[in-house]
Protein backbone atom coordinates (compact mmCIF):
# COMPACT_ATOMS: atom_id res chain seq x y z
CA MET A 1 -3.92 -20.96 18.21
CA LEU A 2 -4.06 -18.38 15.44
CA ASN A 3 -7.65 -19.25 14.55
CA GLY A 4 -8.59 -18.56 18.16
CA MET A 5 -6.87 -15.19 18.00
CA TYR A 6 -8.67 -14.23 14.79
CA ASP A 7 -12.03 -15.33 16.19
CA SER A 8 -11.36 -13.25 19.30
CA ASN A 9 -10.43 -10.23 17.18
CA ARG A 10 -13.58 -10.57 15.09
CA LYS A 11 -15.74 -10.77 18.22
CA ARG A 12 -13.98 -7.73 19.65
CA ASN A 13 -14.65 -5.73 16.49
CA VAL A 14 -18.34 -6.68 16.63
CA ARG A 15 -18.40 -5.51 20.26
CA ASN A 16 -16.56 -2.31 19.30
CA GLU A 17 -19.24 -1.55 16.72
CA GLN A 18 -21.96 -2.17 19.30
CA ILE A 19 -20.23 0.18 21.76
CA PHE A 20 -19.84 2.86 19.09
CA ASN A 21 -23.46 2.60 17.96
CA GLN A 22 -24.74 2.68 21.54
CA PHE A 23 -22.89 5.85 22.47
CA PHE A 24 -23.20 7.54 19.09
CA ALA A 25 -26.98 7.21 19.34
CA SER A 26 -26.98 8.78 22.81
CA TYR A 27 -24.22 11.39 22.42
CA PRO A 28 -23.83 12.21 18.70
CA SER A 29 -22.23 15.59 19.42
CA ASP A 30 -19.39 13.82 21.26
CA PHE A 31 -18.21 12.17 18.05
CA GLN A 32 -16.38 14.33 15.52
CA LYS A 33 -16.55 12.85 12.03
CA ILE A 34 -13.22 13.00 10.21
CA GLU A 35 -12.74 12.04 6.56
CA LEU A 36 -9.20 11.32 5.46
CA LYS A 37 -7.64 10.69 2.07
CA LYS A 38 -5.26 7.90 1.14
CA GLY A 39 -1.76 8.82 2.35
CA GLU A 40 -2.92 11.06 5.20
CA HIS A 41 -2.29 10.18 8.84
CA ILE A 42 -4.84 9.64 11.59
CA VAL A 43 -2.10 10.09 14.19
CA LEU A 44 1.68 10.47 14.09
CA GLU A 45 4.33 8.76 16.18
CA ASP A 46 5.37 10.92 19.17
CA GLU A 47 2.50 13.33 18.49
CA ALA A 48 0.90 14.65 21.68
CA PHE A 49 -2.25 12.72 22.58
CA LYS A 50 -5.27 14.27 20.88
CA GLY A 51 -7.89 11.60 21.40
CA VAL A 52 -9.12 8.13 20.53
CA PHE A 53 -10.50 7.49 17.04
CA PHE A 54 -13.01 4.93 15.82
CA ILE A 55 -12.46 3.59 12.29
CA ARG A 56 -15.78 3.34 10.47
CA LYS A 57 -14.52 2.78 6.93
CA GLY A 58 -11.17 2.12 5.28
CA ILE A 59 -7.82 0.53 6.05
CA ALA A 60 -4.70 2.09 7.56
CA ILE A 61 -1.26 0.80 8.50
CA LYS A 62 0.40 1.23 11.88
CA GLU A 63 4.07 2.12 11.39
CA VAL A 64 7.08 3.07 13.49
CA LEU A 65 10.06 5.13 12.36
CA LEU A 66 13.38 3.28 12.46
CA LYS A 67 16.76 4.87 13.20
CA SER A 68 17.62 4.38 9.53
CA GLY A 69 14.83 6.79 8.63
CA LYS A 70 12.70 4.05 7.09
CA THR A 71 9.30 3.04 8.43
CA GLN A 72 8.49 -0.43 9.72
CA GLY A 73 4.94 -1.69 9.36
CA ILE A 74 3.36 -3.21 12.47
CA ARG A 75 -0.05 -4.27 11.20
CA LEU A 76 -3.07 -3.03 9.28
CA THR A 77 -6.03 -1.60 11.14
CA THR A 78 -9.47 -3.13 10.79
CA LYS A 79 -12.93 -1.67 10.43
CA ASN A 80 -14.54 -0.97 13.81
CA GLU A 81 -11.20 -0.53 15.55
CA PHE A 82 -10.42 2.14 18.14
CA VAL A 83 -7.08 3.84 17.45
CA GLY A 84 -5.07 5.74 20.04
CA ALA A 85 -6.11 3.68 23.05
CA LEU A 86 -2.53 3.09 24.20
CA ALA A 87 -1.75 6.81 24.25
CA SER A 88 -4.73 7.38 26.53
CA VAL A 89 -3.56 4.84 29.10
CA ASN A 90 0.00 5.39 30.22
CA VAL A 91 1.85 7.66 27.80
CA GLU A 92 1.32 11.17 26.53
CA THR A 93 2.17 10.53 22.89
CA TYR A 94 1.20 8.04 20.21
CA PRO A 95 3.64 5.11 19.88
CA TYR A 96 3.22 4.80 16.10
CA ASP A 97 2.00 6.45 12.91
CA VAL A 98 -1.38 5.41 11.54
CA ARG A 99 -1.28 6.08 7.78
CA CYS A 100 -4.33 5.70 5.55
CA LEU A 101 -3.99 3.13 2.77
CA THR A 102 -7.46 4.02 1.49
CA ASP A 103 -9.83 6.93 1.93
CA MET A 104 -11.17 6.64 5.47
CA GLU A 105 -14.06 7.68 7.66
CA CYS A 106 -13.22 8.00 11.36
CA TYR A 107 -14.83 9.47 14.45
CA LYS A 108 -12.88 11.22 17.18
CA LEU A 109 -14.29 10.55 20.65
CA SER A 110 -14.61 13.39 23.13
CA GLU A 111 -12.95 12.93 26.52
CA ALA A 112 -16.39 12.88 28.11
CA VAL A 113 -17.72 10.03 25.99
CA LEU A 114 -14.47 8.07 26.34
CA HIS A 115 -14.85 8.38 30.11
CA GLN A 116 -18.46 7.18 29.84
CA ILE A 117 -17.40 4.15 27.79
CA LEU A 118 -14.74 3.24 30.34
CA MET A 119 -17.22 3.58 33.18
CA ILE A 120 -19.60 1.07 31.60
CA TYR A 121 -17.01 -1.12 29.85
CA PRO A 122 -13.96 -1.02 32.15
CA MET A 123 -12.21 -3.82 30.20
CA PHE A 124 -12.65 -2.03 26.88
CA LEU A 125 -9.17 -0.50 26.56
CA TYR A 126 -7.45 -3.42 28.26
CA GLU A 127 -8.84 -5.86 25.70
CA ALA A 128 -7.64 -3.65 22.84
CA LEU A 129 -4.16 -3.45 24.34
CA GLN A 130 -4.14 -7.18 25.02
CA ALA A 131 -5.07 -7.90 21.40
CA ASP A 132 -2.27 -5.67 20.09
CA SER A 133 0.21 -7.27 22.48
CA TYR A 134 -0.78 -10.80 21.47
CA THR A 135 -0.55 -9.95 17.77
CA ASN A 136 2.91 -8.48 18.32
CA TYR A 137 3.91 -11.57 20.31
CA GLN A 138 2.93 -13.81 17.40
CA LYS A 139 4.84 -11.61 14.95
CA MET A 140 7.94 -11.61 17.17
CA LYS A 141 8.21 -15.38 16.76
CA PHE A 142 9.23 -14.73 13.18
CA ILE A 143 11.36 -11.59 13.53
CA THR A 144 14.58 -13.53 14.06
CA GLY A 145 13.54 -16.44 11.86
CA LYS A 146 13.58 -16.91 8.13
CA VAL A 147 12.37 -14.01 6.04
CA GLU A 148 10.05 -16.24 4.02
CA GLU A 149 8.31 -17.31 7.24
CA ARG A 150 7.63 -13.68 8.14
CA ILE A 151 6.17 -13.04 4.70
CA ILE A 152 3.97 -16.14 4.84
CA TYR A 153 2.84 -15.29 8.37
CA ASN A 154 1.73 -11.85 7.23
CA ILE A 155 -0.11 -13.24 4.20
CA VAL A 156 -1.98 -15.65 6.50
CA GLU A 157 -2.81 -12.87 8.96
CA LEU A 158 -3.99 -10.50 6.22
CA ALA A 159 -6.06 -13.24 4.58
CA GLU A 160 -7.74 -14.02 7.91
CA CYS A 161 -8.39 -10.38 8.78
CA PHE A 162 -9.14 -8.79 5.41
CA GLY A 163 -9.62 -11.58 2.87
CA GLU A 164 -12.82 -11.99 0.90
CA LYS A 165 -13.82 -15.55 0.07
CA ASN A 166 -14.62 -16.33 -3.54
CA ASP A 167 -15.47 -20.04 -3.85
CA GLN A 168 -12.41 -21.74 -2.33
CA ASP A 169 -10.10 -18.76 -2.81
CA VAL A 170 -9.36 -15.89 -0.45
CA TRP A 171 -8.74 -12.53 -2.12
CA LEU A 172 -6.63 -9.98 -0.27
CA PRO A 173 -7.56 -6.31 -0.81
CA LYS A 174 -5.59 -4.34 -3.39
CA VAL A 175 -3.98 -2.24 -0.66
CA VAL A 176 -1.93 -5.31 0.30
CA THR A 177 0.85 -4.61 -2.17
CA GLN A 178 4.31 -6.14 -2.30
CA GLU A 179 5.60 -2.94 -0.70
CA ILE A 180 3.17 -3.28 2.22
CA LEU A 181 4.09 -6.94 2.69
CA ALA A 182 7.76 -5.99 2.64
CA SER A 183 7.23 -3.32 5.30
CA LEU A 184 5.27 -5.68 7.54
CA SER A 185 7.88 -8.43 7.04
CA SER A 186 11.05 -6.33 7.50
CA THR A 187 12.37 -7.14 4.06
CA THR A 188 12.49 -5.81 0.50
CA ARG A 189 9.82 -5.76 -2.17
CA GLU A 190 12.11 -7.85 -4.39
CA TYR A 191 12.29 -10.62 -1.80
CA VAL A 192 8.51 -10.57 -1.37
CA ALA A 193 8.16 -10.96 -5.14
CA LYS A 194 10.51 -13.96 -5.01
CA ILE A 195 8.47 -15.67 -2.28
CA LEU A 196 5.18 -14.95 -4.04
CA ALA A 197 6.59 -16.49 -7.23
CA SER A 198 7.66 -19.57 -5.26
CA LEU A 199 4.19 -19.95 -3.72
CA LYS A 200 2.57 -19.47 -7.13
CA SER A 201 4.73 -22.28 -8.55
CA ILE A 202 3.17 -24.76 -6.10
CA ASN A 203 -0.34 -23.36 -6.65
CA ILE A 204 -0.85 -22.12 -3.09
CA LEU A 205 -1.58 -18.60 -4.25
CA ASP A 206 -1.76 -16.42 -7.34
CA THR A 207 -1.85 -12.74 -8.25
CA LYS A 208 -4.52 -11.23 -10.45
CA GLN A 209 -5.87 -7.72 -11.03
CA ARG A 210 -3.51 -6.38 -8.30
CA HIS A 211 -4.90 -8.87 -5.76
CA ILE A 212 -3.04 -11.63 -3.96
CA ILE A 213 -5.32 -14.67 -4.16
CA VAL A 214 -4.76 -17.49 -1.69
CA HIS A 215 -5.92 -20.82 -3.11
CA ASP A 216 -5.16 -22.93 -0.04
CA LEU A 217 -4.97 -21.05 3.26
CA HIS A 218 -4.55 -24.29 5.21
CA LYS A 219 -1.45 -25.32 3.25
CA LEU A 220 -0.04 -21.82 3.57
CA HIS A 221 -0.58 -22.00 7.33
CA GLU A 222 1.17 -25.39 7.48
CA LEU A 223 4.33 -23.94 5.92
CA ILE A 224 5.11 -22.06 9.12
CA TYR A 225 3.30 -24.06 11.85
């Protein structure tokens, strides 16, 4: 089931890039290039809608503010993703923060070009919303379950979406820190460290040069499914 979701997401990102390239070639003045530094925000939760953004380079995290004042990570954004689609559909504000974990290159779409995209690709925004909803549905299965299952689920998801294969290993990017895993998993950094140590002891993963390295993604997947 998850493999199907990841394949679908990858295909959608390829299609997103094709859509961007098609319209950027025809209407370059309708795309405002925005360069952001690590720690800056593309959009803020409850900020008035200011447009849809296309991520060309870099990784960000979608977060919501909890009543406690802490932030809860939802998921990391991917290259070739459109951000802000939900706010353009049925609400006037953004439902979450999008905070840069790396330096980023984005393009803000004009209202005119967004309208053109929707005219030609009417399912474009729906598919993006559907993908977010399905990802959240999968995550919700683990919200009330064991904390270690949430952590493992997020490692699997991040490995599938962002991992780089090196022989049999999958290397997660350095931005996937214990703090980020804790935020995505609704737990503490200390508990993430405990679970990582447990997984290292059975040789499923390792940590090296600030990377989490998954040795056996299949076995990791089997721990929760």
